[in-house]
């Protein structure tokens, strides 16, 4: 199995990653974490983060 930092994380390419996540408190540029905080969400971000990015004009 690849090292954790070598596992692909498509979420890092999403525009919403540029803002902090109000749901899990991840900083801008960091992956969101699961609700329990034990795993990175590598495929997507929380809806609250997407909403914040939209409110800041980063998304249409």
N, C-alpha and C. Protein backbone atom coordinates (compact mmCIF):
# COMPACT_ATOMS: atom_id res chain seq x y z
N UNK A 1 0.84 -1.18 0.00
CA UNK A 1 0.00 0.00 0.00
C UNK A 1 0.89 1.24 0.00
N UNK A 2 0.53 2.27 -0.80
CA UNK A 2 1.37 3.48 -0.86
C UNK A 2 1.34 4.23 0.47
N UNK A 3 2.37 5.02 0.69
CA UNK A 3 2.41 5.86 1.89
C UNK A 3 1.23 6.83 1.85
N UNK A 4 0.70 7.25 3.01
CA UNK A 4 -0.47 8.13 3.03
C UNK A 4 -0.32 9.39 2.19
N UNK A 5 0.86 9.98 2.15
CA UNK A 5 1.03 11.20 1.36
C UNK A 5 1.16 10.93 -0.14
N UNK A 6 1.16 9.65 -0.54
CA UNK A 6 1.25 9.29 -1.95
C UNK A 6 -0.10 8.85 -2.52
N UNK A 7 -1.13 8.73 -1.67
CA UNK A 7 -2.45 8.33 -2.13
C UNK A 7 -3.09 9.54 -2.82
N UNK A 8 -3.64 9.36 -4.03
CA UNK A 8 -4.24 10.49 -4.74
C UNK A 8 -5.36 11.13 -3.93
N UNK A 9 -5.45 12.44 -4.04
CA UNK A 9 -6.49 13.19 -3.35
C UNK A 9 -7.10 14.19 -4.33
N UNK A 10 -8.09 13.75 -5.12
CA UNK A 10 -8.71 14.65 -6.10
C UNK A 10 -9.29 15.91 -5.48
N UNK A 11 -9.66 15.87 -4.21
CA UNK A 11 -10.24 17.05 -3.56
C UNK A 11 -9.28 18.22 -3.54
N UNK A 12 -7.98 17.96 -3.59
CA UNK A 12 -7.01 19.05 -3.59
C UNK A 12 -7.08 19.90 -4.84
N UNK A 13 -7.75 19.40 -5.88
CA UNK A 13 -7.91 20.14 -7.13
C UNK A 13 -9.21 20.93 -7.19
N UNK A 14 -10.04 20.83 -6.17
CA UNK A 14 -11.31 21.55 -6.16
C UNK A 14 -11.11 23.00 -5.74
N UNK A 15 -11.83 23.94 -6.36
CA UNK A 15 -11.68 25.36 -6.00
C UNK A 15 -12.01 25.63 -4.53
N UNK A 16 -12.92 24.87 -3.94
CA UNK A 16 -13.33 25.10 -2.56
C UNK A 16 -12.21 24.84 -1.56
N UNK A 17 -11.16 24.14 -1.97
CA UNK A 17 -10.05 23.84 -1.06
C UNK A 17 -9.31 25.13 -0.68
N UNK A 18 -9.56 26.22 -1.39
CA UNK A 18 -8.88 27.49 -1.13
C UNK A 18 -9.42 28.23 0.08
N UNK A 19 -10.51 27.74 0.68
CA UNK A 19 -11.07 28.39 1.87
C UNK A 19 -11.06 27.40 3.03
N UNK A 20 -11.04 27.90 4.26
CA UNK A 20 -11.13 26.99 5.41
C UNK A 20 -12.49 26.31 5.46
N UNK A 21 -12.55 25.15 6.07
CA UNK A 21 -13.82 24.42 6.16
C UNK A 21 -14.50 24.70 7.50
N UNK A 22 -15.70 25.28 7.47
CA UNK A 22 -16.41 25.54 8.72
C UNK A 22 -16.92 24.26 9.39
N UNK A 23 -17.02 23.16 8.66
CA UNK A 23 -17.55 21.92 9.22
C UNK A 23 -16.50 21.17 10.05
N UNK A 24 -15.30 21.01 9.51
CA UNK A 24 -14.28 20.21 10.20
C UNK A 24 -13.08 21.04 10.65
N UNK A 25 -13.10 22.33 10.33
CA UNK A 25 -12.04 23.26 10.76
C UNK A 25 -10.70 23.05 10.06
N UNK A 26 -10.70 22.37 8.92
CA UNK A 26 -9.47 22.24 8.15
C UNK A 26 -9.10 23.61 7.59
N UNK A 27 -7.82 23.88 7.54
CA UNK A 27 -7.35 25.16 7.01
C UNK A 27 -7.42 25.17 5.49
N UNK A 28 -7.37 26.36 4.93
CA UNK A 28 -7.34 26.50 3.47
C UNK A 28 -6.15 25.70 2.93
N UNK A 29 -6.40 24.94 1.88
CA UNK A 29 -5.35 24.13 1.28
C UNK A 29 -5.22 22.73 1.85
N UNK A 30 -5.93 22.46 2.95
CA UNK A 30 -5.89 21.14 3.57
C UNK A 30 -7.15 20.37 3.25
N UNK A 31 -7.04 19.04 3.24
CA UNK A 31 -8.21 18.19 3.01
C UNK A 31 -9.17 18.28 4.18
N UNK A 32 -10.46 18.16 3.88
CA UNK A 32 -11.45 18.01 4.94
C UNK A 32 -11.23 16.66 5.61
N UNK A 33 -11.72 16.53 6.83
CA UNK A 33 -11.63 15.25 7.52
C UNK A 33 -13.02 14.67 7.69
N UNK A 34 -13.06 13.39 8.01
CA UNK A 34 -14.34 12.73 8.26
C UNK A 34 -14.99 13.37 9.48
N UNK A 35 -16.26 13.10 9.69
CA UNK A 35 -16.97 13.70 10.81
C UNK A 35 -16.33 13.32 12.14
N UNK A 36 -15.73 12.16 12.20
CA UNK A 36 -15.04 11.74 13.41
C UNK A 36 -13.63 12.30 13.51
N UNK A 37 -13.15 12.89 12.41
CA UNK A 37 -11.82 13.48 12.39
C UNK A 37 -10.69 12.48 12.24
N UNK A 38 -11.03 11.25 11.89
CA UNK A 38 -10.00 10.21 11.83
C UNK A 38 -9.44 9.96 10.43
N UNK A 39 -10.17 10.38 9.40
CA UNK A 39 -9.72 10.13 8.03
C UNK A 39 -9.84 11.39 7.19
N UNK A 40 -8.95 11.53 6.21
CA UNK A 40 -9.07 12.62 5.24
C UNK A 40 -10.16 12.29 4.23
N UNK A 41 -10.91 13.31 3.83
CA UNK A 41 -11.87 13.16 2.74
C UNK A 41 -11.11 13.49 1.46
N UNK A 42 -10.65 12.48 0.77
CA UNK A 42 -9.79 12.69 -0.40
C UNK A 42 -10.55 12.98 -1.69
N UNK A 43 -11.83 12.62 -1.75
CA UNK A 43 -12.59 12.76 -2.99
C UNK A 43 -13.42 14.03 -3.07
N UNK A 44 -13.79 14.57 -1.92
CA UNK A 44 -14.67 15.73 -1.93
C UNK A 44 -14.44 16.59 -0.69
N UNK A 45 -15.20 17.68 -0.59
CA UNK A 45 -15.15 18.55 0.58
C UNK A 45 -16.55 18.64 1.17
N UNK A 46 -16.66 19.12 2.40
CA UNK A 46 -17.96 19.29 3.02
C UNK A 46 -18.80 20.33 2.27
N UNK A 47 -20.10 20.16 2.30
CA UNK A 47 -21.01 21.11 1.65
C UNK A 47 -20.82 22.51 2.22
N UNK A 48 -20.53 22.61 3.50
CA UNK A 48 -20.33 23.92 4.12
C UNK A 48 -19.12 24.62 3.53
N UNK A 49 -18.11 23.88 3.17
CA UNK A 49 -16.92 24.48 2.56
C UNK A 49 -17.23 24.98 1.15
N UNK A 50 -17.99 24.18 0.42
CA UNK A 50 -18.40 24.60 -0.92
C UNK A 50 -19.25 25.87 -0.83
N UNK A 51 -20.15 25.92 0.14
CA UNK A 51 -21.00 27.11 0.32
C UNK A 51 -20.16 28.33 0.67
N UNK A 52 -19.16 28.15 1.50
CA UNK A 52 -18.30 29.27 1.86
C UNK A 52 -17.51 29.77 0.65
N UNK A 53 -17.01 28.84 -0.15
CA UNK A 53 -16.28 29.23 -1.36
C UNK A 53 -17.20 29.98 -2.31
N UNK A 54 -18.45 29.54 -2.41
CA UNK A 54 -19.42 30.23 -3.27
C UNK A 54 -19.69 31.64 -2.72
N UNK A 55 -19.84 31.77 -1.42
CA UNK A 55 -20.11 33.07 -0.79
C UNK A 55 -18.93 34.03 -0.99
N UNK A 56 -17.73 33.49 -1.06
CA UNK A 56 -16.54 34.33 -1.26
C UNK A 56 -16.25 34.58 -2.73
N UNK A 57 -17.13 34.10 -3.61
CA UNK A 57 -16.98 34.38 -5.03
C UNK A 57 -16.03 33.46 -5.77
N UNK A 58 -15.62 32.36 -5.17
CA UNK A 58 -14.71 31.44 -5.84
C UNK A 58 -15.42 30.46 -6.75
N UNK A 59 -16.72 30.30 -6.55
CA UNK A 59 -17.54 29.39 -7.35
C UNK A 59 -18.74 30.14 -7.91
N UNK A 60 -19.20 29.68 -9.04
CA UNK A 60 -20.37 30.32 -9.68
C UNK A 60 -21.65 29.87 -9.02
